[in-house]
Amino acid sequence: MMEFLVQFELDIPDGIAESQVEERKRAEAAAADTLAKEGHLVRLWQTQSDAAPTILGLYRAANRAELDGLLSALPLYEWMHVSVTALGRHPSDPARVRAIA
């Protein structure tokens, strides 16, 4: 499995009913729960700022194509600007160093 850092910025178009936004947000939360149970969504963070928050997620997938499929199935995907960074192990990673000790 590969790990990916995924950055999301939500851009809800003007004119979308608040009820539709809330419905999609509930569906998004359910989808995130499913991805976590499947082992694809490892962690999720939200930046702390006065502006619209940026969401950062740590995902696991077999490859970029699988990740793209997982992300494109999210209920809010069409309103997201997404940036993906593939991650690799670092020789000084504290988790790796603890595992060796």
PDB file of N, CA and C in Angstrom:
ATOM      1  N   MET A   1       0.834  -1.194   0.000  1.00  0.00           N
ATOM      2  CA  MET A   1       0.000   0.000   0.000  1.00  0.00           C
ATOM      3  C   MET A   1       0.875   1.252   0.000  1.00  0.00           C
ATOM      4  N   MET A   2       0.452   2.213  -0.766  1.00  0.00           N
ATOM      5  CA  MET A   2       1.124   3.509  -0.792  1.00  0.00           C
ATOM      6  C   MET A   2       0.348   4.486   0.099  1.00  0.00           C
ATOM      7  N   GLU A   3       1.049   5.503   0.584  1.00  0.00           N
ATOM      8  CA  GLU A   3       0.395   6.547   1.368  1.00  0.00           C
ATOM      9  C   GLU A   3       0.426   7.858   0.584  1.00  0.00           C
ATOM     10  N   PHE A   4      -0.645   8.639   0.759  1.00  0.00           N
ATOM     11  CA  PHE A   4      -0.801   9.900   0.040  1.00  0.00           C
ATOM     12  C   PHE A   4      -1.295  10.973   0.995  1.00  0.00           C
ATOM     13  N   LEU A   5      -0.727  12.161   0.878  1.00  0.00           N
ATOM     14  CA  LEU A   5      -1.246  13.326   1.576  1.00  0.00           C
ATOM     15  C   LEU A   5      -2.165  14.036   0.594  1.00  0.00           C
ATOM     16  N   VAL A   6      -3.434  14.181   0.973  1.00  0.00           N
ATOM     17  CA  VAL A   6      -4.430  14.788   0.097  1.00  0.00           C
ATOM     18  C   VAL A   6      -4.916  16.076   0.741  1.00  0.00           C
ATOM     19  N   GLN A   7      -4.843  17.152  -0.028  1.00  0.00           N
ATOM     20  CA  GLN A   7      -5.301  18.458   0.441  1.00  0.00           C
ATOM     21  C   GLN A   7      -6.573  18.812  -0.317  1.00  0.00           C
ATOM     22  N   PHE A   8      -7.628  19.178   0.443  1.00  0.00           N
ATOM     23  CA  PHE A   8      -8.914  19.539  -0.141  1.00  0.00           C
ATOM     24  C   PHE A   8      -9.250  20.972   0.226  1.00  0.00           C
ATOM     25  N   GLU A   9      -9.764  21.698  -0.728  1.00  0.00           N
ATOM     26  CA  GLU A   9     -10.370  22.993  -0.444  1.00  0.00           C
ATOM     27  C   GLU A   9     -11.762  22.945  -1.053  1.00  0.00           C
ATOM     28  N   LEU A  10     -12.747  23.231  -0.252  1.00  0.00           N
ATOM     29  CA  LEU A  10     -14.132  23.152  -0.681  1.00  0.00           C
ATOM     30  C   LEU A  10     -14.567  24.482  -1.280  1.00  0.00           C
ATOM     31  N   ASP A  11     -15.184  24.437  -2.451  1.00  0.00           N
ATOM     32  CA  ASP A  11     -15.674  25.634  -3.135  1.00  0.00           C
ATOM     33  C   ASP A  11     -17.109  25.352  -3.582  1.00  0.00           C
ATOM     34  N   ILE A  12     -18.055  25.688  -2.721  1.00  0.00           N
ATOM     35  CA  ILE A  12     -19.467  25.430  -3.007  1.00  0.00           C
ATOM     36  C   ILE A  12     -19.966  26.528  -3.948  1.00  0.00           C
ATOM     37  N   PRO A  13     -20.504  26.123  -5.083  1.00  0.00           N
ATOM     38  CA  PRO A  13     -20.981  27.125  -6.048  1.00  0.00           C
ATOM     39  C   PRO A  13     -22.131  27.960  -5.487  1.00  0.00           C
ATOM     40  N   ASP A  14     -22.221  29.188  -5.936  1.00  0.00           N
ATOM     41  CA  ASP A  14     -23.336  30.051  -5.555  1.00  0.00           C
ATOM     42  C   ASP A  14     -24.645  29.428  -6.041  1.00  0.00           C
ATOM     43  N   GLY A  15     -25.683  29.643  -5.275  1.00  0.00           N
ATOM     44  CA  GLY A  15     -27.006  29.191  -5.680  1.00  0.00           C
ATOM     45  C   GLY A  15     -27.368  27.785  -5.248  1.00  0.00           C
ATOM     46  N   ILE A  16     -26.441  27.081  -4.589  1.00  0.00           N
ATOM     47  CA  ILE A  16     -26.741  25.731  -4.104  1.00  0.00           C
ATOM     48  C   ILE A  16     -27.533  25.862  -2.804  1.00  0.00           C
ATOM     49  N   ALA A  17     -28.654  25.170  -2.724  1.00  0.00           N
ATOM     50  CA  ALA A  17     -29.498  25.228  -1.525  1.00  0.00           C
ATOM     51  C   ALA A  17     -28.739  24.690  -0.323  1.00  0.00           C
ATOM     52  N   GLU A  18     -28.918  25.341   0.820  1.00  0.00           N
ATOM     53  CA  GLU A  18     -28.252  24.915   2.059  1.00  0.00           C
ATOM     54  C   GLU A  18     -28.621  23.473   2.408  1.00  0.00           C
ATOM     55  N   SER A  19     -29.846  23.079   2.108  1.00  0.00           N
ATOM     56  CA  SER A  19     -30.263  21.703   2.394  1.00  0.00           C
ATOM     57  C   SER A  19     -29.451  20.699   1.572  1.00  0.00           C
ATOM     58  N   GLN A  20     -29.133  21.040   0.336  1.00  0.00           N
ATOM     59  CA  GLN A  20     -28.313  20.153  -0.495  1.00  0.00           C
ATOM     60  C   GLN A  20     -26.884  20.085   0.039  1.00  0.00           C
ATOM     61  N   VAL A  21     -26.360  21.221   0.479  1.00  0.00           N
ATOM     62  CA  VAL A  21     -25.012  21.245   1.056  1.00  0.00           C
ATOM     63  C   VAL A  21     -24.970  20.363   2.303  1.00  0.00           C
ATOM     64  N   GLU A  22     -25.943  20.522   3.186  1.00  0.00           N
ATOM     65  CA  GLU A  22     -25.978  19.727   4.414  1.00  0.00           C
ATOM     66  C   GLU A  22     -26.142  18.236   4.111  1.00  0.00           C
ATOM     67  N   GLU A  23     -26.966  17.906   3.129  1.00  0.00           N
ATOM     68  CA  GLU A  23     -27.156  16.503   2.745  1.00  0.00           C
ATOM     69  C   GLU A  23     -25.842  15.896   2.248  1.00  0.00           C
ATOM     70  N   ARG A  24     -25.132  16.647   1.423  1.00  0.00           N
ATOM     71  CA  ARG A  24     -23.853  16.143   0.912  1.00  0.00           C
ATOM     72  C   ARG A  24     -22.810  16.036   2.020  1.00  0.00           C
ATOM     73  N   LYS A  25     -22.816  16.974   2.956  1.00  0.00           N
ATOM     74  CA  LYS A  25     -21.859  16.901   4.068  1.00  0.00           C
ATOM     75  C   LYS A  25     -22.126  15.666   4.936  1.00  0.00           C
ATOM     76  N   ARG A  26     -23.394  15.342   5.164  1.00  0.00           N
ATOM     77  CA  ARG A  26     -23.715  14.118   5.910  1.00  0.00           C
ATOM     78  C   ARG A  26     -23.250  12.881   5.141  1.00  0.00           C
ATOM     79  N   ALA A  27     -23.477  12.878   3.835  1.00  0.00           N
ATOM     80  CA  ALA A  27     -23.038  11.753   3.003  1.00  0.00           C
ATOM     81  C   ALA A  27     -21.518  11.663   2.978  1.00  0.00           C
ATOM     82  N   GLU A  28     -20.854  12.804   2.987  1.00  0.00           N
ATOM     83  CA  GLU A  28     -19.382  12.846   3.002  1.00  0.00           C
ATOM     84  C   GLU A  28     -18.853  12.230   4.297  1.00  0.00           C
ATOM     85  N   ALA A  29     -19.483  12.555   5.422  1.00  0.00           N
ATOM     86  CA  ALA A  29     -19.064  11.992   6.708  1.00  0.00           C
ATOM     87  C   ALA A  29     -19.238  10.471   6.706  1.00  0.00           C
ATOM     88  N   ALA A  30     -20.327   9.987   6.140  1.00  0.00           N
ATOM     89  CA  ALA A  30     -20.550   8.538   6.060  1.00  0.00           C
ATOM     90  C   ALA A  30     -19.519   7.884   5.147  1.00  0.00           C
ATOM     91  N   ALA A  31     -19.198   8.548   4.037  1.00  0.00           N
ATOM     92  CA  ALA A  31     -18.188   8.011   3.112  1.00  0.00           C
ATOM     93  C   ALA A  31     -16.816   7.971   3.780  1.00  0.00           C
ATOM     94  N   ALA A  32     -16.473   9.007   4.551  1.00  0.00           N
ATOM     95  CA  ALA A  32     -15.192   9.033   5.258  1.00  0.00           C
ATOM     96  C   ALA A  32     -15.124   7.898   6.276  1.00  0.00           C
ATOM     97  N   ASP A  33     -16.235   7.639   6.959  1.00  0.00           N
ATOM     98  CA  ASP A  33     -16.284   6.539   7.922  1.00  0.00           C
ATOM     99  C   ASP A  33     -16.039   5.200   7.224  1.00  0.00           C
ATOM    100  N   THR A  34     -16.651   5.011   6.076  1.00  0.00           N
ATOM    101  CA  THR A  34     -16.457   3.775   5.312  1.00  0.00           C
ATOM    102  C   THR A  34     -15.010   3.637   4.854  1.00  0.00           C
ATOM    103  N   LEU A  35     -14.426   4.726   4.331  1.00  0.00           N
ATOM    104  CA  LEU A  35     -13.025   4.676   3.886  1.00  0.00           C
ATOM    105  C   LEU A  35     -12.086   4.370   5.048  1.00  0.00           C
ATOM    106  N   ALA A  36     -12.390   4.900   6.223  1.00  0.00           N
ATOM    107  CA  ALA A  36     -11.563   4.617   7.403  1.00  0.00           C
ATOM    108  C   ALA A  36     -11.674   3.141   7.793  1.00  0.00           C
ATOM    109  N   LYS A  37     -12.885   2.611   7.792  1.00  0.00           N
ATOM    110  CA  LYS A  37     -13.080   1.198   8.136  1.00  0.00           C
ATOM    111  C   LYS A  37     -12.386   0.275   7.139  1.00  0.00           C
ATOM    112  N   GLU A  38     -12.295   0.698   5.880  1.00  0.00           N
ATOM    113  CA  GLU A  38     -11.625  -0.086   4.839  1.00  0.00           C
ATOM    114  C   GLU A  38     -10.107   0.083   4.869  1.00  0.00           C
ATOM    115  N   GLY A  39      -9.613   1.005   5.708  1.00  0.00           N
ATOM    116  CA  GLY A  39      -8.177   1.227   5.821  1.00  0.00           C
ATOM    117  C   GLY A  39      -7.610   2.218   4.823  1.00  0.00           C
ATOM    118  N   HIS A  40      -8.465   2.905   4.078  1.00  0.00           N
ATOM    119  CA  HIS A  40      -7.989   3.881   3.093  1.00  0.00           C
ATOM    120  C   HIS A  40      -7.761   5.260   3.697  1.00  0.00           C
ATOM    121  N   LEU A  41      -8.630   5.680   4.594  1.00  0.00           N
ATOM    122  CA  LEU A  41      -8.492   6.983   5.248  1.00  0.00           C
ATOM    123  C   LEU A  41      -7.892   6.751   6.627  1.00  0.00           C
ATOM    124  N   VAL A  42      -6.656   7.230   6.801  1.00  0.00           N
ATOM    125  CA  VAL A  42      -5.918   6.996   8.046  1.00  0.00           C
ATOM    126  C   VAL A  42      -6.135   8.130   9.038  1.00  0.00           C
ATOM    127  N   ARG A  43      -6.009   9.355   8.574  1.00  0.00           N
ATOM    128  CA  ARG A  43      -6.158  10.549   9.434  1.00  0.00           C
ATOM    129  C   ARG A  43      -6.776  11.663   8.612  1.00  0.00           C
ATOM    130  N   LEU A  44      -7.396  12.596   9.320  1.00  0.00           N
ATOM    131  CA  LEU A  44      -8.005  13.755   8.678  1.00  0.00           C
ATOM    132  C   LEU A  44      -7.815  14.956   9.589  1.00  0.00           C
ATOM    133  N   TRP A  45      -7.330  16.050   9.023  1.00  0.00           N
ATOM    134  CA  TRP A  45      -7.103  17.284   9.777  1.00  0.00           C
ATOM    135  C   TRP A  45      -7.796  18.437   9.080  1.00  0.00           C
ATOM    136  N   GLN A  46      -8.027  19.505   9.844  1.00  0.00           N
ATOM    137  CA  GLN A  46      -8.559  20.748   9.303  1.00  0.00           C
ATOM    138  C   GLN A  46      -7.661  21.875   9.781  1.00  0.00           C
ATOM    139  N   THR A  47      -7.259  22.755   8.860  1.00  0.00           N
ATOM    140  CA  THR A  47      -6.416  23.873   9.266  1.00  0.00           C
ATOM    141  C   THR A  47      -7.221  24.823  10.140  1.00  0.00           C
ATOM    142  N   GLN A  48      -6.517  25.488  11.030  1.00  0.00           N
ATOM    143  CA  GLN A  48      -7.133  26.439  11.939  1.00  0.00           C
ATOM    144  C   GLN A  48      -6.872  27.845  11.415  1.00  0.00           C
ATOM    145  N   SER A  49      -7.844  28.389  10.712  1.00  0.00           N
ATOM    146  CA  SER A  49      -7.686  29.746  10.190  1.00  0.00           C
ATOM    147  C   SER A  49      -9.052  30.402  10.106  1.00  0.00           C
ATOM    148  N   ASP A  50      -9.054  31.722   9.965  1.00  0.00           N
ATOM    149  CA  ASP A  50     -10.311  32.461   9.836  1.00  0.00           C
ATOM    150  C   ASP A  50     -10.900  32.295   8.444  1.00  0.00           C
ATOM    151  N   ALA A  51     -10.063  32.025   7.486  1.00  0.00           N
ATOM    152  CA  ALA A  51     -10.532  31.812   6.119  1.00  0.00           C
ATOM    153  C   ALA A  51     -11.163  30.426   6.022  1.00  0.00           C
ATOM    154  N   ALA A  52     -11.636  30.092   4.849  1.00  0.00           N
ATOM    155  CA  ALA A  52     -12.194  28.755   4.643  1.00  0.00           C
ATOM    156  C   ALA A  52     -11.119  27.718   4.969  1.00  0.00           C
ATOM    157  N   PRO A  53     -11.454  26.720   5.783  1.00  0.00           N
ATOM    158  CA  PRO A  53     -10.433  25.746   6.195  1.00  0.00           C
ATOM    159  C   PRO A  53      -9.986  24.858   5.036  1.00  0.00           C
ATOM    160  N   THR A  54      -8.738  24.438   5.127  1.00  0.00           N
ATOM    161  CA  THR A  54      -8.197  23.443   4.217  1.00  0.00           C
ATOM    162  C   THR A  54      -8.226  22.118   4.962  1.00  0.00           C
ATOM    163  N   ILE A  55      -8.612  21.077   4.273  1.00  0.00           N
ATOM    164  CA  ILE A  55      -8.662  19.741   4.858  1.00  0.00           C
ATOM    165  C   ILE A  55      -7.458  18.970   4.364  1.00  0.00           C
ATOM    166  N   LEU A  56      -6.770  18.291   5.270  1.00  0.00           N
ATOM    167  CA  LEU A  56      -5.637  17.436   4.927  1.00  0.00           C
ATOM    168  C   LEU A  56      -5.973  16.016   5.341  1.00  0.00           C
ATOM    169  N   GLY A  57      -5.770  15.078   4.446  1.00  0.00           N
ATOM    170  CA  GLY A  57      -6.061  13.683   4.748  1.00  0.00           C
ATOM    171  C   GLY A  57      -4.886  12.795   4.420  1.00  0.00           C
ATOM    172  N   LEU A  58      -4.647  11.817   5.266  1.00  0.00           N
ATOM    173  CA  LEU A  58      -3.646  10.793   5.002  1.00  0.00           C
ATOM    174  C   LEU A  58      -4.404   9.559   4.529  1.00  0.00           C
ATOM    175  N   TYR A  59      -4.163   9.189   3.286  1.00  0.00           N
ATOM    176  CA  TYR A  59      -4.869   8.074   2.655  1.00  0.00           C
ATOM    177  C   TYR A  59      -3.896   6.958   2.309  1.00  0.00           C
ATOM    178  N   ARG A  60      -4.432   5.741   2.229  1.00  0.00           N
ATOM    179  CA  ARG A  60      -3.679   4.583   1.758  1.00  0.00           C
ATOM    180  C   ARG A  60      -4.438   3.961   0.595  1.00  0.00           C
ATOM    181  N   ALA A  61      -3.694   3.652  -0.457  1.00  0.00           N
ATOM    182  CA  ALA A  61      -4.280   3.009  -1.631  1.00  0.00           C
ATOM    183  C   ALA A  61      -3.182   2.215  -2.325  1.00  0.00           C
ATOM    184  N   ALA A  62      -3.583   1.274  -3.146  1.00  0.00           N
ATOM    185  CA  ALA A  62      -2.605   0.447  -3.868  1.00  0.00           C
ATOM    186  C   ALA A  62      -1.767   1.296  -4.822  1.00  0.00           C
ATOM    187  N   ASN A  63      -2.383   2.332  -5.402  1.00  0.00           N
ATOM    188  CA  ASN A  63      -1.687   3.201  -6.359  1.00  0.00           C
ATOM    189  C   ASN A  63      -2.503   4.478  -6.551  1.00  0.00           C
ATOM    190  N   ARG A  64      -1.994   5.380  -7.354  1.00  0.00           N
ATOM    191  CA  ARG A  64      -2.657   6.670  -7.574  1.00  0.00           C
ATOM    192  C   ARG A  64      -4.014   6.476  -8.252  1.00  0.00           C
ATOM    193  N   ALA A  65      -4.107   5.522  -9.155  1.00  0.00           N
ATOM    194  CA  ALA A  65      -5.378   5.287  -9.842  1.00  0.00           C
ATOM    195  C   ALA A  65      -6.470   4.870  -8.846  1.00  0.00           C
ATOM    196  N   GLU A  66      -6.126   3.994  -7.904  1.00  0.00           N
ATOM    197  CA  GLU A  66      -7.109   3.595  -6.906  1.00  0.00           C
ATOM    198  C   GLU A  66      -7.505   4.788  -6.044  1.00  0.00           C
ATOM    199  N   LEU A  67      -6.529   5.590  -5.631  1.00  0.00           N
ATOM    200  CA  LEU A  67      -6.820   6.774  -4.826  1.00  0.00           C
ATOM    201  C   LEU A  67      -7.748   7.718  -5.583  1.00  0.00           C
ATOM    202  N   ASP A  68      -7.451   7.956  -6.847  1.00  0.00           N
ATOM    203  CA  ASP A  68      -8.295   8.850  -7.643  1.00  0.00           C
ATOM    204  C   ASP A  68      -9.734   8.336  -7.693  1.00  0.00           C
ATOM    205  N   GLY A  69      -9.901   7.026  -7.801  1.00  0.00           N
ATOM    206  CA  GLY A  69     -11.243   6.447  -7.790  1.00  0.00           C
ATOM    207  C   GLY A  69     -11.949   6.650  -6.467  1.00  0.00           C
ATOM    208  N   LEU A  70     -11.223   6.494  -5.371  1.00  0.00           N
ATOM    209  CA  LEU A  70     -11.805   6.702  -4.041  1.00  0.00           C
ATOM    210  C   LEU A  70     -12.234   8.156  -3.859  1.00  0.00           C
ATOM    211  N   LEU A  71     -11.367   9.078  -4.263  1.00  0.00           N
ATOM    212  CA  LEU A  71     -11.663  10.500  -4.086  1.00  0.00           C
ATOM    213  C   LEU A  71     -12.819  10.953  -4.973  1.00  0.00           C
ATOM    214  N   SER A  72     -12.831  10.508  -6.215  1.00  0.00           N
ATOM    215  CA  SER A  72     -13.873  10.958  -7.152  1.00  0.00           C
ATOM    216  C   SER A  72     -15.256  10.441  -6.764  1.00  0.00           C
ATOM    217  N   ALA A  73     -15.321   9.430  -5.907  1.00  0.00           N
ATOM    218  CA  ALA A  73     -16.607   8.900  -5.442  1.00  0.00           C
ATOM    219  C   ALA A  73     -17.152   9.662  -4.235  1.00  0.00           C
ATOM    220  N   LEU A  74     -16.368  10.583  -3.674  1.00  0.00           N
ATOM    221  CA  LEU A  74     -16.830  11.335  -2.509  1.00  0.00           C
ATOM    222  C   LEU A  74     -17.986  12.262  -2.888  1.00  0.00           C
ATOM    223  N   PRO A  75     -18.996  12.390  -2.040  1.00  0.00           N
ATOM    224  CA  PRO A  75     -20.161  13.220  -2.344  1.00  0.00           C
ATOM    225  C   PRO A  75     -19.854  14.702  -2.600  1.00  0.00           C
ATOM    226  N   LEU A  76     -18.806  15.225  -1.984  1.00  0.00           N
ATOM    227  CA  LEU A  76     -18.448  16.634  -2.177  1.00  0.00           C
ATOM    228  C   LEU A  76     -17.388  16.840  -3.260  1.00  0.00           C
ATOM    229  N   TYR A  77     -16.967  15.771  -3.918  1.00  0.00           N
ATOM    230  CA  TYR A  77     -15.828  15.841  -4.837  1.00  0.00           C
ATOM    231  C   TYR A  77     -15.972  16.932  -5.897  1.00  0.00           C
ATOM    232  N   GLU A  78     -17.143  17.072  -6.490  1.00  0.00           N
ATOM    233  CA  GLU A  78     -17.289  18.047  -7.570  1.00  0.00           C
ATOM    234  C   GLU A  78     -17.118  19.493  -7.083  1.00  0.00           C
ATOM    235  N   TRP A  79     -17.164  19.706  -5.767  1.00  0.00           N
ATOM    236  CA  TRP A  79     -16.974  21.041  -5.201  1.00  0.00           C
ATOM    237  C   TRP A  79     -15.592  21.201  -4.576  1.00  0.00           C
ATOM    238  N   MET A  80     -14.713  20.232  -4.791  1.00  0.00           N
ATOM    239  CA  MET A  80     -13.393  20.254  -4.156  1.00  0.00           C
ATOM    240  C   MET A  80     -12.293  20.605  -5.154  1.00  0.00           C
ATOM    241  N   HIS A  81     -11.312  21.325  -4.644  1.00  0.00           N
ATOM    242  CA  HIS A  81     -10.028  21.468  -5.329  1.00  0.00           C
ATOM    243  C   HIS A  81      -9.102  20.526  -4.571  1.00  0.00           C
ATOM    244  N   VAL A  82      -8.522  19.570  -5.279  1.00  0.00           N
ATOM    245  CA  VAL A  82      -7.757  18.500  -4.636  1.00  0.00           C
ATOM    246  C   VAL A  82      -6.313  18.533  -5.109  1.00  0.00           C
ATOM    247  N   SER A  83      -5.410  18.375  -4.161  1.00  0.00           N
ATOM    248  CA  SER A  83      -3.980  18.258  -4.445  1.00  0.00           C
ATOM    249  C   SER A  83      -3.484  16.992  -3.756  1.00  0.00           C
ATOM    250  N   VAL A  84      -2.760  16.157  -4.495  1.00  0.00           N
ATOM    251  CA  VAL A  84      -2.293  14.878  -3.963  1.00  0.00           C
ATOM    252  C   VAL A  84      -0.771  14.821  -4.016  1.00  0.00           C
ATOM    253  N   THR A  85      -0.173  14.378  -2.910  1.00  0.00           N
ATOM    254  CA  THR A  85       1.265  14.164  -2.832  1.00  0.00           C
ATOM    255  C   THR A  85       1.515  12.734  -2.390  1.00  0.00           C
ATOM    256  N   ALA A  86       2.219  11.967  -3.222  1.00  0.00           N
ATOM    257  CA  ALA A  86       2.595  10.606  -2.835  1.00  0.00           C
ATOM    258  C   ALA A  86       3.693  10.699  -1.782  1.00  0.00           C
ATOM    259  N   LEU A  87       3.610   9.845  -0.765  1.00  0.00           N
ATOM    260  CA  LEU A  87       4.567   9.865   0.342  1.00  0.00           C
ATOM    261  C   LEU A  87       5.417   8.600   0.335  1.00  0.00           C
ATOM    262  N   GLY A  88       6.661   8.740   0.728  1.00  0.00           N
ATOM    263  CA  GLY A  88       7.559   7.607   0.875  1.00  0.00           C
ATOM    264  C   GLY A  88       8.192   7.626   2.252  1.00  0.00           C
ATOM    265  N   ARG A  89       8.733   6.524   2.638  1.00  0.00           N
ATOM    266  CA  ARG A  89       9.376   6.409   3.958  1.00  0.00           C
ATOM    267  C   ARG A  89      10.652   7.264   3.997  1.00  0.00           C
ATOM    268  N   HIS A  90      10.866   7.858   5.153  1.00  0.00           N
ATOM    269  CA  HIS A  90      12.074   8.651   5.388  1.00  0.00           C
ATOM    270  C   HIS A  90      12.944   7.868   6.369  1.00  0.00           C
ATOM    271  N   PRO A  91      14.264   7.839   6.149  1.00  0.00           N
ATOM    272  CA  PRO A  91      15.126   7.050   7.035  1.00  0.00           C
ATOM    273  C   PRO A  91      15.122   7.522   8.487  1.00  0.00           C
ATOM    274  N   SER A  92      14.758   8.763   8.742  1.00  0.00           N
ATOM    275  CA  SER A  92      14.725   9.276  10.118  1.00  0.00           C
ATOM    276  C   SER A  92      13.325   9.347  10.705  1.00  0.00           C
ATOM    277  N   ASP A  93      12.353   8.702  10.068  1.00  0.00           N
ATOM    278  CA  ASP A  93      10.986   8.686  10.567  1.00  0.00           C
ATOM    279  C   ASP A  93      10.971   8.107  11.977  1.00  0.00           C
ATOM    280  N   PRO A  94      10.433   8.830  12.967  1.00  0.00           N
ATOM    281  CA  PRO A  94      10.421   8.331  14.337  1.00  0.00           C
ATOM    282  C   PRO A  94       9.729   6.956  14.465  1.00  0.00           C
ATOM    283  N   ALA A  95       8.675   6.721  13.697  1.00  0.00           N
ATOM    284  CA  ALA A  95       7.999   5.425  13.774  1.00  0.00           C
ATOM    285  C   ALA A  95       8.927   4.305  13.298  1.00  0.00           C
ATOM    286  N   ARG A  96       9.716   4.564  12.275  1.00  0.00           N
ATOM    287  CA  ARG A  96      10.657   3.576  11.754  1.00  0.00           C
ATOM    288  C   ARG A  96      11.782   3.320  12.767  1.00  0.00           C
ATOM    289  N   VAL A  97      12.279   4.396  13.363  1.00  0.00           N
ATOM    290  CA  VAL A  97      13.368   4.278  14.333  1.00  0.00           C
ATOM    291  C   VAL A  97      12.901   3.480  15.546  1.00  0.00           C
ATOM    292  N   ARG A  98      11.661   3.732  16.030  1.00  0.00           N
ATOM    293  CA  ARG A  98      11.121   2.978  17.179  1.00  0.00           C
ATOM    294  C   ARG A  98      10.958   1.502  16.831  1.00  0.00           C
ATOM    295  N   ALA A  99      10.568   1.205  15.591  1.00  0.00           N
ATOM    296  CA  ALA A  99      10.343  -0.179  15.178  1.00  0.00           C
ATOM    297  C   ALA A  99      11.649  -0.968  15.152  1.00  0.00           C
ATOM    298  N   ILE A 100      12.756  -0.307  14.835  1.00  0.00           N
ATOM    299  CA  ILE A 100      14.063  -0.966  14.757  1.00  0.00           C
ATOM    300  C   ILE A 100      14.607  -1.259  16.151  1.00  0.00           C
ATOM    301  N   ALA A 101      14.350  -0.350  17.097  1.00  0.00           N
ATOM    302  CA  ALA A 101      14.911  -0.449  18.458  1.00  0.00           C
ATOM    303  C   ALA A 101      14.420  -1.646  19.219  1.00  0.00           C
TER     304      ALA A 101
END
